[in-house]
Amino acid sequence: MGNASAKAVEAKAVDIAAPSNTEKPKLKPCCACPETKRARDACIIENGEENCGPLIEEHKACMRKMGFNI
């Protein structure tokens, strides 16, 4: 019995420590970088994706800066 409770405590300690080691974005992807997202989306609608490369890359850079793996 003593071993079972010790294993449970160890498992809880690992679960608590894991989030602090990896920094996760604080926002959802849909809410991050609204300015670059708005400009990118408007360009894509008006001009087509193939003509909006710089705006798409700017939005990707913003998302990376916010902690998203894009």
PDB file of N, CA and C in Angstrom:
ATOM      1  N   MET A   1       0.818  -1.197   0.000  1.00  0.00           N
ATOM      2  CA  MET A   1       0.000   0.000   0.000  1.00  0.00           C
ATOM      3  C   MET A   1       0.860   1.258   0.000  1.00  0.00           C
ATOM      4  N   GLY A   2       1.900   1.281   0.737  1.00  0.00           N
ATOM      5  CA  GLY A   2       2.763   2.456   0.802  1.00  0.00           C
ATOM      6  C   GLY A   2       3.354   2.804  -0.547  1.00  0.00           C
ATOM      7  N   ASN A   3       3.665   1.810  -1.353  1.00  0.00           N
ATOM      8  CA  ASN A   3       4.252   2.083  -2.664  1.00  0.00           C
ATOM      9  C   ASN A   3       3.249   2.721  -3.614  1.00  0.00           C
ATOM     10  N   ALA A   4       1.996   2.333  -3.525  1.00  0.00           N
ATOM     11  CA  ALA A   4       0.985   2.872  -4.433  1.00  0.00           C
ATOM     12  C   ALA A   4       0.806   4.375  -4.215  1.00  0.00           C
ATOM     13  N   SER A   5       0.770   4.822  -2.977  1.00  0.00           N
ATOM     14  CA  SER A   5       0.588   6.250  -2.729  1.00  0.00           C
ATOM     15  C   SER A   5       1.826   7.040  -3.129  1.00  0.00           C
ATOM     16  N   ALA A   6       2.997   6.463  -2.991  1.00  0.00           N
ATOM     17  CA  ALA A   6       4.222   7.146  -3.409  1.00  0.00           C
ATOM     18  C   ALA A   6       4.236   7.325  -4.922  1.00  0.00           C
ATOM     19  N   LYS A   7       3.776   6.308  -5.661  1.00  0.00           N
ATOM     20  CA  LYS A   7       3.719   6.424  -7.120  1.00  0.00           C
ATOM     21  C   LYS A   7       2.727   7.498  -7.537  1.00  0.00           C
ATOM     22  N   ALA A   8       1.612   7.605  -6.842  1.00  0.00           N
ATOM     23  CA  ALA A   8       0.614   8.615  -7.170  1.00  0.00           C
ATOM     24  C   ALA A   8       1.173  10.015  -6.943  1.00  0.00           C
ATOM     25  N   VAL A   9       1.931  10.192  -5.873  1.00  0.00           N
ATOM     26  CA  VAL A   9       2.532  11.489  -5.586  1.00  0.00           C
ATOM     27  C   VAL A   9       3.549  11.835  -6.665  1.00  0.00           C
ATOM     28  N   GLU A  10       4.370  10.869  -7.089  1.00  0.00           N
ATOM     29  CA  GLU A  10       5.359  11.111  -8.134  1.00  0.00           C
ATOM     30  C   GLU A  10       4.673  11.498  -9.444  1.00  0.00           C
ATOM     31  N   ALA A  11       3.599  10.832  -9.782  1.00  0.00           N
ATOM     32  CA  ALA A  11       2.884  11.127 -11.021  1.00  0.00           C
ATOM     33  C   ALA A  11       2.317  12.536 -10.985  1.00  0.00           C
ATOM     34  N   LYS A  12       1.780  12.952  -9.854  1.00  0.00           N
ATOM     35  CA  LYS A  12       1.245  14.301  -9.734  1.00  0.00           C
ATOM     36  C   LYS A  12       2.353  15.336  -9.853  1.00  0.00           C
ATOM     37  N   ALA A  13       3.509  15.073  -9.278  1.00  0.00           N
ATOM     38  CA  ALA A  13       4.629  16.004  -9.358  1.00  0.00           C
ATOM     39  C   ALA A  13       5.083  16.173 -10.798  1.00  0.00           C
ATOM     40  N   VAL A  14       5.093  15.117 -11.571  1.00  0.00           N
ATOM     41  CA  VAL A  14       5.488  15.197 -12.970  1.00  0.00           C
ATOM     42  C   VAL A  14       4.467  16.004 -13.757  1.00  0.00           C
ATOM     43  N   ASP A  15       3.170  15.786 -13.506  1.00  0.00           N
ATOM     44  CA  ASP A  15       2.128  16.519 -14.214  1.00  0.00           C
ATOM     45  C   ASP A  15       2.206  18.013 -13.916  1.00  0.00           C
ATOM     46  N   ILE A  16       2.500  18.374 -12.712  1.00  0.00           N
ATOM     47  CA  ILE A  16       2.578  19.778 -12.335  1.00  0.00           C
ATOM     48  C   ILE A  16       3.815  20.425 -12.946  1.00  0.00           C
ATOM     49  N   ALA A  17       4.921  19.705 -12.985  1.00  0.00           N
ATOM     50  CA  ALA A  17       6.172  20.266 -13.484  1.00  0.00           C
ATOM     51  C   ALA A  17       6.165  20.424 -14.999  1.00  0.00           C
ATOM     52  N   ALA A  18       5.464  19.589 -15.727  1.00  0.00           N
ATOM     53  CA  ALA A  18       5.502  19.614 -17.188  1.00  0.00           C
ATOM     54  C   ALA A  18       5.050  20.944 -17.781  1.00  0.00           C
ATOM     55  N   PRO A  19       3.944  21.553 -17.356  1.00  0.00           N
ATOM     56  CA  PRO A  19       3.533  22.811 -17.967  1.00  0.00           C
ATOM     57  C   PRO A  19       4.537  23.947 -17.757  1.00  0.00           C
ATOM     58  N   SER A  20       5.241  23.974 -16.628  1.00  0.00           N
ATOM     59  CA  SER A  20       6.177  25.061 -16.389  1.00  0.00           C
ATOM     60  C   SER A  20       7.419  24.948 -17.269  1.00  0.00           C
ATOM     61  N   ASN A  21       7.759  23.757 -17.725  1.00  0.00           N
ATOM     62  CA  ASN A  21       8.929  23.579 -18.587  1.00  0.00           C
ATOM     63  C   ASN A  21       8.673  24.048 -20.002  1.00  0.00           C
ATOM     64  N   THR A  22       7.455  23.940 -20.476  1.00  0.00           N
ATOM     65  CA  THR A  22       7.136  24.338 -21.839  1.00  0.00           C
ATOM     66  C   THR A  22       6.193  25.522 -21.782  1.00  0.00           C
ATOM     67  N   GLU A  23       6.581  26.612 -22.465  1.00  0.00           N
ATOM     68  CA  GLU A  23       5.723  27.782 -22.481  1.00  0.00           C
ATOM     69  C   GLU A  23       4.720  27.640 -23.608  1.00  0.00           C
ATOM     70  N   LYS A  24       3.455  27.657 -23.254  1.00  0.00           N
ATOM     71  CA  LYS A  24       2.396  27.545 -24.244  1.00  0.00           C
ATOM     72  C   LYS A  24       1.819  28.929 -24.498  1.00  0.00           C
ATOM     73  N   PRO A  25       1.311  29.154 -25.701  1.00  0.00           N
ATOM     74  CA  PRO A  25       0.695  30.444 -25.987  1.00  0.00           C
ATOM     75  C   PRO A  25      -0.473  30.709 -25.053  1.00  0.00           C
ATOM     76  N   LYS A  26      -0.633  31.966 -24.670  1.00  0.00           N
ATOM     77  CA  LYS A  26      -1.713  32.324 -23.751  1.00  0.00           C
ATOM     78  C   LYS A  26      -3.017  32.593 -24.495  1.00  0.00           C
ATOM     79  N   LEU A  27      -2.932  32.832 -25.804  1.00  0.00           N
ATOM     80  CA  LEU A  27      -4.117  33.083 -26.619  1.00  0.00           C
ATOM     81  C   LEU A  27      -4.402  31.901 -27.527  1.00  0.00           C
ATOM     82  N   LYS A  28      -5.619  31.834 -27.994  1.00  0.00           N
ATOM     83  CA  LYS A  28      -5.948  30.860 -29.031  1.00  0.00           C
ATOM     84  C   LYS A  28      -5.451  31.416 -30.355  1.00  0.00           C
ATOM     85  N   PRO A  29      -5.107  30.559 -31.312  1.00  0.00           N
ATOM     86  CA  PRO A  29      -4.611  31.051 -32.603  1.00  0.00           C
ATOM     87  C   PRO A  29      -5.569  32.027 -33.290  1.00  0.00           C
ATOM     88  N   CYS A  30      -6.851  31.836 -33.101  1.00  0.00           N
ATOM     89  CA  CYS A  30      -7.824  32.720 -33.764  1.00  0.00           C
ATOM     90  C   CYS A  30      -7.801  34.131 -33.192  1.00  0.00           C
ATOM     91  N   CYS A  31      -7.298  34.291 -31.968  1.00  0.00           N
ATOM     92  CA  CYS A  31      -7.328  35.595 -31.308  1.00  0.00           C
ATOM     93  C   CYS A  31      -5.984  36.316 -31.333  1.00  0.00           C
ATOM     94  N   ALA A  32      -4.935  35.626 -31.732  1.00  0.00           N
ATOM     95  CA  ALA A  32      -3.602  36.227 -31.752  1.00  0.00           C
ATOM     96  C   ALA A  32      -3.412  37.037 -33.030  1.00  0.00           C
ATOM     97  N   CYS A  33      -2.676  38.115 -32.940  1.00  0.00           N
ATOM     98  CA  CYS A  33      -2.283  38.947 -34.083  1.00  0.00           C
ATOM     99  C   CYS A  33      -3.470  39.392 -34.929  1.00  0.00           C
ATOM    100  N   PRO A  34      -4.455  40.053 -34.349  1.00  0.00           N
ATOM    101  CA  PRO A  34      -5.638  40.433 -35.128  1.00  0.00           C
ATOM    102  C   PRO A  34      -5.341  41.424 -36.249  1.00  0.00           C
ATOM    103  N   GLU A  35      -4.344  42.309 -36.055  1.00  0.00           N
ATOM    104  CA  GLU A  35      -4.044  43.302 -37.089  1.00  0.00           C
ATOM    105  C   GLU A  35      -3.495  42.632 -38.341  1.00  0.00           C
ATOM    106  N   THR A  36      -2.498  41.756 -38.168  1.00  0.00           N
ATOM    107  CA  THR A  36      -1.908  41.107 -39.337  1.00  0.00           C
ATOM    108  C   THR A  36      -2.878  40.112 -39.955  1.00  0.00           C
ATOM    109  N   LYS A  37      -3.701  39.508 -39.126  1.00  0.00           N
ATOM    110  CA  LYS A  37      -4.689  38.551 -39.644  1.00  0.00           C
ATOM    111  C   LYS A  37      -5.720  39.273 -40.516  1.00  0.00           C
ATOM    112  N   ARG A  38      -6.181  40.415 -40.049  1.00  0.00           N
ATOM    113  CA  ARG A  38      -7.196  41.181 -40.792  1.00  0.00           C
ATOM    114  C   ARG A  38      -6.640  41.622 -42.148  1.00  0.00           C
ATOM    115  N   ALA A  39      -5.412  42.153 -42.147  1.00  0.00           N
ATOM    116  CA  ALA A  39      -4.796  42.610 -43.397  1.00  0.00           C
ATOM    117  C   ALA A  39      -4.559  41.435 -44.345  1.00  0.00           C
ATOM    118  N   ARG A  40      -4.089  40.319 -43.800  1.00  0.00           N
ATOM    119  CA  ARG A  40      -3.844  39.122 -44.618  1.00  0.00           C
ATOM    120  C   ARG A  40      -5.136  38.614 -45.239  1.00  0.00           C
ATOM    121  N   ASP A  41      -6.179  38.501 -44.435  1.00  0.00           N
ATOM    122  CA  ASP A  41      -7.455  37.981 -44.931  1.00  0.00           C
ATOM    123  C   ASP A  41      -8.067  38.890 -45.993  1.00  0.00           C
ATOM    124  N   ALA A  42      -7.998  40.209 -45.772  1.00  0.00           N
ATOM    125  CA  ALA A  42      -8.553  41.146 -46.753  1.00  0.00           C
ATOM    126  C   ALA A  42      -7.799  41.040 -48.077  1.00  0.00           C
ATOM    127  N   CYS A  43      -6.479  40.919 -48.002  1.00  0.00           N
ATOM    128  CA  CYS A  43      -5.670  40.794 -49.215  1.00  0.00           C
ATOM    129  C   CYS A  43      -6.021  39.513 -49.962  1.00  0.00           C
ATOM    130  N   ILE A  44      -6.152  38.421 -49.241  1.00  0.00           N
ATOM    131  CA  ILE A  44      -6.469  37.141 -49.885  1.00  0.00           C
ATOM    132  C   ILE A  44      -7.830  37.201 -50.576  1.00  0.00           C
ATOM    133  N   ILE A  45      -8.811  37.828 -49.922  1.00  0.00           N
ATOM    134  CA  ILE A  45     -10.151  37.923 -50.507  1.00  0.00           C
ATOM    135  C   ILE A  45     -10.132  38.798 -51.765  1.00  0.00           C
ATOM    136  N   GLU A  46      -9.418  39.920 -51.696  1.00  0.00           N
ATOM    137  CA  GLU A  46      -9.409  40.864 -52.806  1.00  0.00           C
ATOM    138  C   GLU A  46      -8.475  40.460 -53.942  1.00  0.00           C
ATOM    139  N   ASN A  47      -7.309  39.878 -53.606  1.00  0.00           N
ATOM    140  CA  ASN A  47      -6.264  39.670 -54.601  1.00  0.00           C
ATOM    141  C   ASN A  47      -5.880  38.219 -54.844  1.00  0.00           C
ATOM    142  N   GLY A  48      -6.332  37.315 -53.999  1.00  0.00           N
ATOM    143  CA  GLY A  48      -5.930  35.916 -54.112  1.00  0.00           C
ATOM    144  C   GLY A  48      -4.674  35.641 -53.296  1.00  0.00           C
ATOM    145  N   GLU A  49      -4.586  34.431 -52.785  1.00  0.00           N
ATOM    146  CA  GLU A  49      -3.493  34.055 -51.891  1.00  0.00           C
ATOM    147  C   GLU A  49      -2.119  34.244 -52.527  1.00  0.00           C
ATOM    148  N   GLU A  50      -2.004  33.928 -53.818  1.00  0.00           N
ATOM    149  CA  GLU A  50      -0.708  33.989 -54.497  1.00  0.00           C
ATOM    150  C   GLU A  50      -0.145  35.410 -54.551  1.00  0.00           C
ATOM    151  N   ASN A  51      -0.979  36.439 -54.365  1.00  0.00           N
ATOM    152  CA  ASN A  51      -0.539  37.833 -54.428  1.00  0.00           C
ATOM    153  C   ASN A  51      -0.344  38.477 -53.054  1.00  0.00           C
ATOM    154  N   CYS A  52      -0.406  37.692 -51.991  1.00  0.00           N
ATOM    155  CA  CYS A  52      -0.347  38.249 -50.640  1.00  0.00           C
ATOM    156  C   CYS A  52       0.779  37.650 -49.802  1.00  0.00           C
ATOM    157  N   GLY A  53       1.805  37.169 -50.450  1.00  0.00           N
ATOM    158  CA  GLY A  53       2.910  36.514 -49.749  1.00  0.00           C
ATOM    159  C   GLY A  53       3.492  37.315 -48.601  1.00  0.00           C
ATOM    160  N   PRO A  54       3.823  38.612 -48.794  1.00  0.00           N
ATOM    161  CA  PRO A  54       4.412  39.381 -47.693  1.00  0.00           C
ATOM    162  C   PRO A  54       3.489  39.506 -46.477  1.00  0.00           C
ATOM    163  N   LEU A  55       2.200  39.689 -46.707  1.00  0.00           N
ATOM    164  CA  LEU A  55       1.265  39.796 -45.590  1.00  0.00           C
ATOM    165  C   LEU A  55       1.096  38.455 -44.876  1.00  0.00           C
ATOM    166  N   ILE A  56       1.118  37.385 -45.629  1.00  0.00           N
ATOM    167  CA  ILE A  56       1.019  36.049 -45.031  1.00  0.00           C
ATOM    168  C   ILE A  56       2.244  35.785 -44.164  1.00  0.00           C
ATOM    169  N   GLU A  57       3.422  36.130 -44.681  1.00  0.00           N
ATOM    170  CA  GLU A  57       4.654  35.919 -43.918  1.00  0.00           C
ATOM    171  C   GLU A  57       4.707  36.801 -42.682  1.00  0.00           C
ATOM    172  N   GLU A  58       4.199  38.021 -42.791  1.00  0.00           N
ATOM    173  CA  GLU A  58       4.151  38.921 -41.637  1.00  0.00           C
ATOM    174  C   GLU A  58       3.261  38.339 -40.546  1.00  0.00           C
ATOM    175  N   HIS A  59       2.127  37.769 -40.942  1.00  0.00           N
ATOM    176  CA  HIS A  59       1.217  37.161 -39.960  1.00  0.00           C
ATOM    177  C   HIS A  59       1.868  35.927 -39.331  1.00  0.00           C
ATOM    178  N   LYS A  60       2.553  35.126 -40.121  1.00  0.00           N
ATOM    179  CA  LYS A  60       3.253  33.955 -39.576  1.00  0.00           C
ATOM    180  C   LYS A  60       4.307  34.381 -38.563  1.00  0.00           C
ATOM    181  N   ALA A  61       5.056  35.443 -38.866  1.00  0.00           N
ATOM    182  CA  ALA A  61       6.089  35.934 -37.954  1.00  0.00           C
ATOM    183  C   ALA A  61       5.464  36.404 -36.644  1.00  0.00           C
ATOM    184  N   CYS A  62       4.332  37.087 -36.738  1.00  0.00           N
ATOM    185  CA  CYS A  62       3.630  37.535 -35.538  1.00  0.00           C
ATOM    186  C   CYS A  62       3.176  36.343 -34.701  1.00  0.00           C
ATOM    187  N   MET A  63       2.634  35.337 -35.357  1.00  0.00           N
ATOM    188  CA  MET A  63       2.172  34.139 -34.639  1.00  0.00           C
ATOM    189  C   MET A  63       3.337  33.435 -33.946  1.00  0.00           C
ATOM    190  N   ARG A  64       4.483  33.354 -34.610  1.00  0.00           N
ATOM    191  CA  ARG A  64       5.662  32.738 -33.992  1.00  0.00           C
ATOM    192  C   ARG A  64       6.101  33.535 -32.775  1.00  0.00           C
ATOM    193  N   LYS A  65       6.055  34.868 -32.885  1.00  0.00           N
ATOM    194  CA  LYS A  65       6.455  35.724 -31.780  1.00  0.00           C
ATOM    195  C   LYS A  65       5.518  35.537 -30.591  1.00  0.00           C
ATOM    196  N   MET A  66       4.277  35.211 -30.864  1.00  0.00           N
ATOM    197  CA  MET A  66       3.301  34.965 -29.807  1.00  0.00           C
ATOM    198  C   MET A  66       3.414  33.566 -29.211  1.00  0.00           C
ATOM    199  N   GLY A  67       4.302  32.730 -29.769  1.00  0.00           N
ATOM    200  CA  GLY A  67       4.536  31.414 -29.201  1.00  0.00           C
ATOM    201  C   GLY A  67       3.932  30.252 -29.961  1.00  0.00           C
ATOM    202  N   PHE A  68       3.346  30.520 -31.111  1.00  0.00           N
ATOM    203  CA  PHE A  68       2.741  29.445 -31.896  1.00  0.00           C
ATOM    204  C   PHE A  68       3.784  28.848 -32.841  1.00  0.00           C
ATOM    205  N   ASN A  69       3.716  27.540 -33.046  1.00  0.00           N
ATOM    206  CA  ASN A  69       4.636  26.849 -33.930  1.00  0.00           C
ATOM    207  C   ASN A  69       4.025  26.789 -35.322  1.00  0.00           C
ATOM    208  N   ILE A  70       4.351  27.785 -36.131  1.00  0.00           N
ATOM    209  CA  ILE A  70       3.773  27.910 -37.478  1.00  0.00           C
ATOM    210  C   ILE A  70       4.839  27.538 -38.494  1.00  0.00           C
TER     211      ILE A  70
END
